[in-house]
């Protein structure tokens, strides 16, 4: 079973080394692999080239339909692992799209990387199977709020949120664009009893000016409610670009 990856600007697989820009591992040097395909459709998604292909009419603010052939590439798990190992990093971040849609092939890939610390970024709707779960050191779970445009019955599965709240390796990272979004996080926090320090709030934005403007009101709300705030460091360093 092959992996379906997103492509970088050269048309090759989006496998690269960079600094993690978000969440609890921000600032750490890591290898990244970006997989294609997603079961959700966020209107503000900054990686729509992983899912919004020609014929997919799910709404997105840029209204761009990407050519599937130009934006997807398949590799074997072993070949993918070789390319990751060649980057020489001790930590791997698996992102998407939604990586857990390809869990069996991911598990096979990670069996070729036994000494690598593994972090998976997920929208939280898919349960990791045991063969993959045993290889994962950290989950960054980003449940999608109402402003994402996804129906709550798809994006906020109570069974999965209950499981993530109890998972010691999981951090919850909520993308917010207005103070109303923080109120929605607070309601989820009360319902699912996320652990202290488990929740990050991150401003939505694909340029530094937008991030800074939203962080100005987000910072005091994090202080008031005891949430951690995540920046998007890669946006400040590289802009909204692939392979960074």
Protein backbone atom coordinates (compact mmCIF):
# COMPACT_ATOMS: atom_id res chain seq x y z
CA UNK A 1 0.00 0.00 0.00
CA UNK A 2 1.49 3.33 -1.09
CA UNK A 3 1.29 6.73 0.55
CA UNK A 4 -0.32 9.64 -1.28
CA UNK A 5 1.69 12.79 -0.61
CA UNK A 6 1.25 16.44 -1.46
CA UNK A 7 3.72 18.00 -3.87
CA UNK A 8 6.11 20.87 -3.34
CA UNK A 9 6.72 23.66 -5.86
CA UNK A 10 8.94 21.38 -7.96
CA UNK A 11 6.26 18.70 -8.28
CA UNK A 12 8.17 16.33 -6.01
CA UNK A 13 6.88 14.99 -2.68
CA UNK A 14 6.54 17.59 0.07
CA UNK A 15 9.21 16.15 2.37
CA UNK A 16 11.49 18.76 3.89
CA UNK A 17 13.40 19.93 6.96
CA UNK A 18 12.37 23.08 8.79
CA UNK A 19 11.57 24.48 12.20
CA UNK A 20 8.22 23.48 13.65
CA UNK A 21 6.21 26.70 13.64
CA UNK A 22 3.23 25.79 15.84
CA UNK A 23 2.15 24.14 19.05
CA UNK A 24 4.20 22.60 21.86
CA UNK A 25 7.18 21.75 19.61
CA UNK A 26 7.49 25.26 18.12
CA UNK A 27 11.08 26.13 17.29
CA UNK A 28 12.31 22.55 17.15
CA UNK A 29 14.21 21.39 14.04
CA UNK A 30 12.19 18.62 12.40
CA UNK A 31 11.57 16.73 9.20
CA UNK A 32 8.13 17.23 7.69
CA UNK A 33 6.10 14.99 5.43
CA UNK A 34 2.81 16.35 4.09
CA UNK A 35 0.19 13.85 3.00
CA UNK A 36 -2.65 14.54 0.59
CA UNK A 37 -6.43 14.07 1.07
CA UNK A 38 -8.71 15.32 3.84
CA UNK A 39 -12.14 14.35 5.14
CA UNK A 40 -12.92 17.95 6.17
CA UNK A 41 -12.99 21.18 4.18
CA UNK A 42 -12.05 24.32 6.10
CA UNK A 43 -12.98 27.51 4.29
CA UNK A 44 -9.69 29.12 5.39
CA UNK A 45 -7.46 26.05 4.87
CA UNK A 46 -3.92 27.11 3.91
CA UNK A 47 -3.16 23.71 2.33
CA UNK A 48 -6.21 23.37 0.09
CA UNK A 49 -3.93 21.88 -2.56
CA UNK A 50 -4.10 18.66 -0.51
CA UNK A 51 -7.85 18.19 -1.02
CA UNK A 52 -9.69 20.75 -3.17
CA UNK A 53 -9.18 19.17 -6.55
CA UNK A 54 -11.13 19.81 -9.74
CA UNK A 55 -14.69 18.63 -9.19
CA UNK A 56 -14.63 19.23 -5.43
CA UNK A 57 -17.13 22.02 -4.83
CA UNK A 58 -16.77 22.25 -1.06
CA UNK A 59 -16.45 25.97 -0.25
CA UNK A 60 -13.08 27.64 0.18
CA UNK A 61 -12.41 31.35 0.41
CA UNK A 62 -9.92 31.31 -2.51
CA UNK A 63 -12.27 29.20 -4.70
CA UNK A 64 -9.30 27.50 -6.41
CA UNK A 65 -9.67 24.00 -7.81
CA UNK A 66 -6.26 22.30 -7.95
CA UNK A 67 -5.23 19.74 -10.53
CA UNK A 68 -5.01 16.41 -8.73
CA UNK A 69 -2.22 14.97 -10.91
CA UNK A 70 -0.01 18.01 -10.35
CA UNK A 71 -0.58 18.12 -6.60
CA UNK A 72 -0.39 14.44 -5.60
CA UNK A 73 2.42 11.93 -5.80
CA UNK A 74 2.51 8.33 -4.56
CA UNK A 75 5.50 6.70 -2.88
CA UNK A 76 6.02 3.42 -1.12
CA UNK A 77 6.33 3.60 2.67
CA UNK A 78 9.95 2.41 2.40
CA UNK A 79 10.89 5.05 -0.20
CA UNK A 80 9.21 7.76 1.87
CA UNK A 81 11.16 6.66 4.95
CA UNK A 82 14.46 6.78 3.03
CA UNK A 83 13.77 10.37 1.95
CA UNK A 84 12.87 11.38 5.50
CA UNK A 85 15.97 9.74 6.98
CA UNK A 86 18.15 11.56 4.44
CA UNK A 87 17.14 14.88 6.02
CA UNK A 88 19.06 13.89 9.16
CA UNK A 89 16.49 15.06 11.71
CA UNK A 90 15.68 13.33 14.98
CA UNK A 91 12.00 14.34 14.96
CA UNK A 92 9.36 13.87 12.27
CA UNK A 93 6.12 15.83 11.88
CA UNK A 94 3.45 14.12 9.79
CA UNK A 95 0.89 16.58 8.53
CA UNK A 96 -1.71 16.97 5.78
CA UNK A 97 -4.42 16.98 4.72
CA UNK A 98 -5.55 14.43 7.29
CA UNK A 99 -2.70 11.96 7.88
CA UNK A 100 -4.74 9.36 9.77
CA UNK A 101 -6.72 8.59 6.60
CA UNK A 102 -3.55 6.75 5.51
CA UNK A 103 -2.79 5.08 8.82
CA UNK A 104 -1.84 1.57 7.57
CA UNK A 105 0.79 2.87 5.13
CA UNK A 106 2.01 5.39 7.71
CA UNK A 107 2.54 2.62 10.24
CA UNK A 108 4.59 0.69 7.69
CA UNK A 109 6.66 3.81 6.94
CA UNK A 110 7.40 4.42 10.62
CA UNK A 111 8.59 0.85 11.07
CA UNK A 112 11.51 1.88 8.83
CA UNK A 113 12.25 4.84 11.18
CA UNK A 114 12.43 3.18 14.62
CA UNK A 115 14.70 5.79 16.20
CA UNK A 116 12.75 8.86 15.05
CA UNK A 117 10.45 10.78 17.41
CA UNK A 118 7.08 11.15 15.70
CA UNK A 119 4.50 13.93 15.90
CA UNK A 120 1.21 13.69 13.99
CA UNK A 121 -0.95 16.72 13.20
CA UNK A 122 -4.58 15.65 12.87
CA UNK A 123 -8.05 17.18 12.76
CA UNK A 124 -9.06 14.71 15.47
CA UNK A 125 -11.86 12.93 13.63
CA UNK A 126 -10.05 9.64 12.95
CA UNK A 127 -8.84 7.15 15.55
CA UNK A 128 -5.26 5.93 15.10
CA UNK A 129 -5.06 2.13 14.85
CA UNK A 130 -2.74 0.31 17.28
CA UNK A 131 -0.02 -0.48 14.73
CA UNK A 132 0.43 3.25 14.09
CA UNK A 133 -0.37 4.51 17.59
CA UNK A 134 2.52 2.60 19.15
CA UNK A 135 4.94 4.58 16.94
CA UNK A 136 3.64 8.05 17.85
CA UNK A 137 5.20 10.25 20.53
CA UNK A 138 2.87 13.25 20.24
CA UNK A 139 -0.45 14.14 18.65
CA UNK A 140 -1.35 17.72 17.76
CA UNK A 141 -5.13 17.59 17.48
CA UNK A 142 -6.83 20.54 15.81
CA UNK A 143 -10.63 20.20 16.10
CA UNK A 144 -12.39 22.50 13.67
CA UNK A 145 -14.76 25.11 15.07
CA UNK A 146 -17.92 26.50 13.45
CA UNK A 147 -16.05 29.23 11.57
CA UNK A 148 -14.22 26.52 9.59
CA UNK A 149 -17.43 25.84 7.68
CA UNK A 150 -17.48 22.15 8.61
CA UNK A 151 -20.68 20.70 10.15
CA UNK A 152 -20.17 19.99 13.84
CA UNK A 153 -21.38 16.41 13.39
CA UNK A 154 -18.36 15.81 11.11
CA UNK A 155 -15.72 17.97 12.79
CA UNK A 156 -16.48 17.58 16.51
CA UNK A 157 -17.04 13.90 17.17
CA UNK A 158 -17.78 13.53 20.91
CA UNK A 159 -16.29 10.04 21.14
CA UNK A 160 -13.03 11.17 19.56
CA UNK A 161 -12.82 14.38 21.62
CA UNK A 162 -13.34 12.37 24.79
CA UNK A 163 -10.52 10.04 23.76
CA UNK A 164 -8.13 12.88 22.87
CA UNK A 165 -8.89 14.68 26.15
CA UNK A 166 -7.75 11.56 28.02
CA UNK A 167 -4.70 10.89 25.81
CA UNK A 168 -1.51 12.04 27.60
CA UNK A 169 0.35 12.43 24.30
CA UNK A 170 -2.29 14.72 22.79
CA UNK A 171 -2.40 18.52 22.69
CA UNK A 172 -5.50 20.36 21.44
CA UNK A 173 -4.76 23.27 19.08
CA UNK A 174 -7.76 25.40 18.14
CA UNK A 175 -7.60 27.82 15.22
CA UNK A 176 -9.46 31.02 16.09
CA UNK A 177 -10.36 34.08 14.03
CA UNK A 178 -12.58 36.01 16.46
CA UNK A 179 -13.36 36.15 20.20
CA UNK A 180 -16.55 34.20 19.47
CA UNK A 181 -14.37 31.25 18.52
CA UNK A 182 -12.74 31.36 21.96
CA UNK A 183 -16.21 31.11 23.53
CA UNK A 184 -16.76 27.94 21.50
CA UNK A 185 -13.46 26.52 22.78
CA UNK A 186 -14.50 27.29 26.35
CA UNK A 187 -17.73 25.34 25.86
CA UNK A 188 -15.78 22.35 24.52
CA UNK A 189 -13.30 22.69 27.37
CA UNK A 190 -16.11 22.49 29.94
CA UNK A 191 -17.76 19.55 28.20
CA UNK A 192 -14.69 17.38 27.61
CA UNK A 193 -12.53 18.50 30.55
CA UNK A 194 -9.27 19.05 28.69
CA UNK A 195 -6.26 18.90 30.97
CA UNK A 196 -4.43 22.04 32.17
CA UNK A 197 -1.81 22.96 29.60
CA UNK A 198 -3.35 20.69 26.97
CA UNK A 199 -5.08 23.47 25.01
CA UNK A 200 -3.43 25.91 22.60
CA UNK A 201 -5.21 28.76 20.83
CA UNK A 202 -3.74 29.85 17.51
CA UNK A 203 -4.81 32.83 15.44
CA UNK A 204 -5.90 32.04 11.89
CA UNK A 205 -3.90 33.89 9.28
CA UNK A 206 -1.46 33.44 6.42
CA UNK A 207 0.47 36.69 6.80
CA UNK A 208 2.27 38.32 9.72
CA UNK A 209 0.05 41.40 9.87
CA UNK A 210 -3.13 39.34 10.28
CA UNK A 211 -1.54 37.10 12.90
CA UNK A 212 -0.26 40.02 14.94
CA UNK A 213 -3.60 41.84 14.81
CA UNK A 214 -5.47 38.79 16.06
CA UNK A 215 -2.87 37.92 18.68
CA UNK A 216 -3.40 41.37 20.20
CA UNK A 217 -6.87 40.33 21.43
CA UNK A 218 -6.07 36.61 21.72
CA UNK A 219 -3.22 37.01 24.21
CA UNK A 220 -5.34 38.49 27.03
CA UNK A 221 -8.02 35.84 26.47
CA UNK A 222 -5.39 33.11 26.83
CA UNK A 223 -4.22 34.76 30.03
CA UNK A 224 -7.78 35.05 31.35
CA UNK A 225 -8.73 31.44 30.65
CA UNK A 226 -5.43 29.66 31.20
CA UNK A 227 -4.89 28.55 27.61
CA UNK A 228 -1.52 28.45 25.86
CA UNK A 229 -1.05 30.62 22.76
CA UNK A 230 0.59 29.30 19.62
CA UNK A 231 2.19 31.51 17.01
CA UNK A 232 2.72 30.46 13.38
CA UNK A 233 6.46 31.08 13.25
CA UNK A 234 6.91 29.68 9.74
CA UNK A 235 4.58 32.36 8.35
CA UNK A 236 6.81 35.10 9.77
CA UNK A 237 9.95 33.38 8.47
CA UNK A 238 8.89 32.11 5.06
CA UNK A 239 5.41 33.37 4.26
CA UNK A 240 2.56 31.10 3.13
CA UNK A 241 4.66 28.78 0.98
CA UNK A 242 5.01 25.05 0.40
CA UNK A 243 7.95 23.12 1.80
CA UNK A 244 8.53 25.42 4.77
